Amino acid sequence: MARDRLPVRSLREEDLAAVVRIDRKLTGFDRSAYYAAKFREVLVESGIRVSLVAEEDGIVNGFIMARVDFGEFGQVETSAVIDTIGVHPAFGGSGIGHALLSQLLLNLSTLQVETVLVQLSQENFTLQRFLHARGFVQSQRLVLAREIR
């Protein structure tokens, strides 16, 4: 399995700069405030830490951030939500994303998580293909949005 070949470990506070750097390469935007809040959520506010990074020779080259939920909308179901995943473009196609997702799923299975959810843009075909190839299918949930003016 990919997780056996590539070093994957739990996300740590000192990984923030590397995650922001990778995200900037992928999106072209500085989302450091978003990631600072996410890091605070997954490292301080969350009781269960499931976010991971992949590193080689001490350099973080990929990350996956997720959280565990214990039901919503009146349903009791242990599920996890993948908030974000990123692999430095120089390492695209090298198996890092697969290793991160594989390790995340293994960790979640030991927590007896039943379902993993992810919400993504309809235009993000690369991520859609990646997730579909790893067993993700369209869910029965419908995401609705409304602008506030």
C-alpha atoms as a PDB file:
ATOM      1  CA  MET A   1       0.000   0.000   0.000  1.00  0.00           C
ATOM      2  CA  ALA A   2       1.092   3.570  -0.611  1.00  0.00           C
ATOM      3  CA  ARG A   3       1.055   4.395   3.100  1.00  0.00           C
ATOM      4  CA  ASP A   4       3.700   1.702   3.625  1.00  0.00           C
ATOM      5  CA  ARG A   5       6.132   3.344   1.183  1.00  0.00           C
ATOM      6  CA  LEU A   6       5.655   7.000   2.041  1.00  0.00           C
ATOM      7  CA  PRO A   7       6.065   8.448   5.548  1.00  0.00           C
ATOM      8  CA  VAL A   8       2.736   9.768   6.861  1.00  0.00           C
ATOM      9  CA  ARG A   9       2.343  11.183  10.364  1.00  0.00           C
ATOM     10  CA  SER A  10      -0.057  13.222  12.470  1.00  0.00           C
ATOM     11  CA  LEU A  11      -0.255  16.919  11.719  1.00  0.00           C
ATOM     12  CA  ARG A  12       1.665  19.146  14.149  1.00  0.00           C
ATOM     13  CA  GLU A  13       1.569  22.873  14.865  1.00  0.00           C
ATOM     14  CA  GLU A  14       4.906  23.455  13.147  1.00  0.00           C
ATOM     15  CA  ASP A  15       3.446  22.123   9.857  1.00  0.00           C
ATOM     16  CA  LEU A  16       1.345  25.270   9.315  1.00  0.00           C
ATOM     17  CA  ALA A  17       3.882  27.098   7.121  1.00  0.00           C
ATOM     18  CA  ALA A  18       4.397  24.045   4.894  1.00  0.00           C
ATOM     19  CA  VAL A  19       0.649  23.496   4.478  1.00  0.00           C
ATOM     20  CA  VAL A  20       0.131  27.171   3.572  1.00  0.00           C
ATOM     21  CA  ARG A  21       3.033  26.970   1.084  1.00  0.00           C
ATOM     22  CA  ILE A  22       1.562  23.883  -0.629  1.00  0.00           C
ATOM     23  CA  ASP A  23      -1.926  25.389  -0.731  1.00  0.00           C
ATOM     24  CA  ARG A  24      -0.565  28.625  -2.237  1.00  0.00           C
ATOM     25  CA  LYS A  25       1.154  26.583  -4.970  1.00  0.00           C
ATOM     26  CA  LEU A  26      -2.115  24.758  -5.690  1.00  0.00           C
ATOM     27  CA  THR A  27      -4.566  27.661  -5.515  1.00  0.00           C
ATOM     28  CA  GLY A  28      -2.505  30.782  -6.154  1.00  0.00           C
ATOM     29  CA  PHE A  29      -4.016  32.378  -3.036  1.00  0.00           C
ATOM     30  CA  ASP A  30      -2.717  33.130   0.445  1.00  0.00           C
ATOM     31  CA  ARG A  31      -5.154  31.312   2.717  1.00  0.00           C
ATOM     32  CA  SER A  32      -2.934  31.436   5.798  1.00  0.00           C
ATOM     33  CA  ALA A  33      -5.736  32.820   8.007  1.00  0.00           C
ATOM     34  CA  TYR A  34      -7.990  29.915   6.982  1.00  0.00           C
ATOM     35  CA  TYR A  35      -5.284  27.380   7.766  1.00  0.00           C
ATOM     36  CA  ALA A  36      -4.394  29.036  11.074  1.00  0.00           C
ATOM     37  CA  ALA A  37      -8.047  28.639  12.106  1.00  0.00           C
ATOM     38  CA  LYS A  38      -8.127  25.050  10.797  1.00  0.00           C
ATOM     39  CA  PHE A  39      -4.971  24.154  12.695  1.00  0.00           C
ATOM     40  CA  ARG A  40      -6.471  25.611  15.868  1.00  0.00           C
ATOM     41  CA  GLU A  41      -9.606  23.525  15.284  1.00  0.00           C
ATOM     42  CA  VAL A  42      -7.834  20.225  14.617  1.00  0.00           C
ATOM     43  CA  LEU A  43      -5.039  20.605  17.165  1.00  0.00           C
ATOM     44  CA  VAL A  44      -6.699  22.417  20.059  1.00  0.00           C
ATOM     45  CA  GLU A  45     -10.476  22.279  19.809  1.00  0.00           C
ATOM     46  CA  SER A  46     -10.908  18.736  18.505  1.00  0.00           C
ATOM     47  CA  GLY A  47     -10.857  15.817  20.900  1.00  0.00           C
ATOM     48  CA  ILE A  48      -9.889  13.380  18.146  1.00  0.00           C
ATOM     49  CA  ARG A  49      -7.003  14.285  15.870  1.00  0.00           C
ATOM     50  CA  VAL A  50      -7.092  12.667  12.461  1.00  0.00           C
ATOM     51  CA  SER A  51      -5.300  15.187  10.228  1.00  0.00           C
ATOM     52  CA  LEU A  52      -2.067  13.993   8.624  1.00  0.00           C
ATOM     53  CA  VAL A  53       0.951  15.143   6.638  1.00  0.00           C
ATOM     54  CA  ALA A  54       3.299  13.286   4.323  1.00  0.00           C
ATOM     55  CA  GLU A  55       6.933  14.188   4.597  1.00  0.00           C
ATOM     56  CA  GLU A  56      10.162  13.068   3.067  1.00  0.00           C
ATOM     57  CA  ASP A  57      13.568  14.010   4.436  1.00  0.00           C
ATOM     58  CA  GLY A  58      11.834  16.288   6.954  1.00  0.00           C
ATOM     59  CA  ILE A  59       9.971  18.266   4.272  1.00  0.00           C
ATOM     60  CA  VAL A  60       6.164  18.236   4.246  1.00  0.00           C
ATOM     61  CA  ASN A  61       4.957  17.590   0.695  1.00  0.00           C
ATOM     62  CA  GLY A  62       1.290  16.780   1.298  1.00  0.00           C
ATOM     63  CA  PHE A  63      -1.505  17.043   3.857  1.00  0.00           C
ATOM     64  CA  ILE A  64      -5.038  15.930   4.595  1.00  0.00           C
ATOM     65  CA  MET A  65      -7.209  17.630   7.194  1.00  0.00           C
ATOM     66  CA  ALA A  66     -10.306  15.891   8.517  1.00  0.00           C
ATOM     67  CA  ARG A  67     -12.586  15.811  11.520  1.00  0.00           C
ATOM     68  CA  VAL A  68     -14.819  13.208  13.135  1.00  0.00           C
ATOM     69  CA  ASP A  69     -18.509  13.982  13.654  1.00  0.00           C
ATOM     70  CA  PHE A  70     -20.867  11.997  15.843  1.00  0.00           C
ATOM     71  CA  GLY A  71     -24.119  12.678  14.044  1.00  0.00           C
ATOM     72  CA  GLU A  72     -26.023  15.631  12.709  1.00  0.00           C
ATOM     73  CA  PHE A  73     -29.561  16.527  11.727  1.00  0.00           C
ATOM     74  CA  GLY A  74     -30.943  14.134  14.341  1.00  0.00           C
ATOM     75  CA  GLN A  75     -29.039  11.139  12.971  1.00  0.00           C
ATOM     76  CA  VAL A  76     -26.583   9.199  15.103  1.00  0.00           C
ATOM     77  CA  GLU A  77     -23.807   8.179  12.749  1.00  0.00           C
ATOM     78  CA  THR A  78     -20.083   8.315  13.257  1.00  0.00           C
ATOM     79  CA  SER A  79     -18.688   9.985  10.176  1.00  0.00           C
ATOM     80  CA  ALA A  80     -15.627  11.928   9.201  1.00  0.00           C
ATOM     81  CA  VAL A  81     -15.405  14.954   6.969  1.00  0.00           C
ATOM     82  CA  ILE A  82     -12.355  15.684   4.858  1.00  0.00           C
ATOM     83  CA  ASP A  83     -11.941  19.455   4.959  1.00  0.00           C
ATOM     84  CA  THR A  84      -8.949  19.769   2.663  1.00  0.00           C
ATOM     85  CA  ILE A  85      -6.264  17.738   0.960  1.00  0.00           C
ATOM     86  CA  GLY A  86      -3.202  18.994  -0.865  1.00  0.00           C
ATOM     87  CA  VAL A  87      -0.046  17.646  -2.458  1.00  0.00           C
ATOM     88  CA  HIS A  88       2.767  19.920  -3.590  1.00  0.00           C
ATOM     89  CA  PRO A  89       2.540  20.086  -7.415  1.00  0.00           C
ATOM     90  CA  ALA A  90       6.138  18.869  -7.764  1.00  0.00           C
ATOM     91  CA  PHE A  91       5.021  15.576  -6.196  1.00  0.00           C
ATOM     92  CA  GLY A  92       1.727  15.145  -8.056  1.00  0.00           C
ATOM     93  CA  GLY A  93       1.154  11.578  -9.231  1.00  0.00           C
ATOM     94  CA  SER A  94       3.778  10.173  -6.859  1.00  0.00           C
ATOM     95  CA  GLY A  95       1.293   8.418  -4.570  1.00  0.00           C
ATOM     96  CA  ILE A  96       1.376  10.976  -1.762  1.00  0.00           C
ATOM     97  CA  GLY A  97      -2.349  11.730  -1.947  1.00  0.00           C
ATOM     98  CA  HIS A  98      -3.110   8.017  -1.995  1.00  0.00           C
ATOM     99  CA  ALA A  99      -0.825   7.406   1.001  1.00  0.00           C
ATOM    100  CA  LEU A 100      -2.481  10.206   2.978  1.00  0.00           C
ATOM    101  CA  LEU A 101      -6.004   9.023   2.190  1.00  0.00           C
ATOM    102  CA  SER A 102      -5.111   5.387   2.827  1.00  0.00           C
ATOM    103  CA  GLN A 103      -3.645   6.168   6.251  1.00  0.00           C
ATOM    104  CA  LEU A 104      -6.590   8.415   7.110  1.00  0.00           C
ATOM    105  CA  LEU A 105      -9.060   5.638   6.250  1.00  0.00           C
ATOM    106  CA  LEU A 106      -7.073   3.132   8.305  1.00  0.00           C
ATOM    107  CA  ASN A 107      -7.031   5.499  11.291  1.00  0.00           C
ATOM    108  CA  LEU A 108     -10.752   6.203  10.945  1.00  0.00           C
ATOM    109  CA  SER A 109     -11.604   2.506  10.759  1.00  0.00           C
ATOM    110  CA  THR A 110      -9.919   1.941  14.130  1.00  0.00           C
ATOM    111  CA  LEU A 111     -12.182   4.693  15.507  1.00  0.00           C
ATOM    112  CA  GLN A 112     -15.172   2.800  14.043  1.00  0.00           C
ATOM    113  CA  VAL A 113     -16.063   5.657  11.727  1.00  0.00           C
ATOM    114  CA  GLU A 114     -18.720   4.456   9.292  1.00  0.00           C
ATOM    115  CA  THR A 115     -18.609   7.053   6.526  1.00  0.00           C
ATOM    116  CA  VAL A 116     -16.214   9.643   5.131  1.00  0.00           C
ATOM    117  CA  LEU A 117     -17.673  12.715   3.461  1.00  0.00           C
ATOM    118  CA  VAL A 118     -16.038  15.373   1.338  1.00  0.00           C
ATOM    119  CA  GLN A 119     -17.519  18.419  -0.355  1.00  0.00           C
ATOM    120  CA  LEU A 120     -15.776  19.836  -3.395  1.00  0.00           C
ATOM    121  CA  SER A 121     -16.297  22.174  -6.284  1.00  0.00           C
ATOM    122  CA  GLN A 122     -18.006  20.786  -9.376  1.00  0.00           C
ATOM    123  CA  GLU A 123     -15.103  22.174 -11.402  1.00  0.00           C
ATOM    124  CA  ASN A 124     -12.424  20.295  -9.449  1.00  0.00           C
ATOM    125  CA  PHE A 125     -12.243  17.370 -11.869  1.00  0.00           C
ATOM    126  CA  THR A 126      -8.788  16.280 -10.716  1.00  0.00           C
ATOM    127  CA  LEU A 127      -9.929  15.779  -7.132  1.00  0.00           C
ATOM    128  CA  GLN A 128     -13.178  14.180  -8.298  1.00  0.00           C
ATOM    129  CA  ARG A 129     -11.235  11.601 -10.347  1.00  0.00           C
ATOM    130  CA  PHE A 130      -8.816  10.981  -7.474  1.00  0.00           C
ATOM    131  CA  LEU A 131     -11.609  10.349  -4.967  1.00  0.00           C
ATOM    132  CA  HIS A 132     -13.742   8.315  -7.369  1.00  0.00           C
ATOM    133  CA  ALA A 133     -10.767   6.045  -8.116  1.00  0.00           C
ATOM    134  CA  ARG A 134     -10.522   5.400  -4.377  1.00  0.00           C
ATOM    135  CA  GLY A 135     -14.139   4.373  -3.894  1.00  0.00           C
ATOM    136  CA  PHE A 136     -15.906   7.660  -3.220  1.00  0.00           C
ATOM    137  CA  VAL A 137     -19.333   7.988  -4.824  1.00  0.00           C
ATOM    138  CA  GLN A 138     -21.874  10.783  -4.963  1.00  0.00           C
ATOM    139  CA  SER A 139     -23.866  10.833  -1.729  1.00  0.00           C
ATOM    140  CA  GLN A 140     -27.558  11.339  -1.195  1.00  0.00           C
ATOM    141  CA  ARG A 141     -26.857  14.660   0.529  1.00  0.00           C
ATOM    142  CA  LEU A 142     -27.581  17.848  -1.321  1.00  0.00           C
ATOM    143  CA  VAL A 143     -25.649  21.004  -0.532  1.00  0.00           C
ATOM    144  CA  LEU A 144     -27.673  24.180  -0.902  1.00  0.00           C
ATOM    145  CA  ALA A 145     -26.336  27.729  -0.845  1.00  0.00           C
ATOM    146  CA  ARG A 146     -27.855  31.185  -0.585  1.00  0.00           C
ATOM    147  CA  GLU A 147     -26.212  34.566  -0.838  1.00  0.00           C
ATOM    148  CA  ILE A 148     -26.829  36.996   1.999  1.00  0.00           C
ATOM    149  CA  ARG A 149     -27.234  40.601   0.939  1.00  0.00           C
END
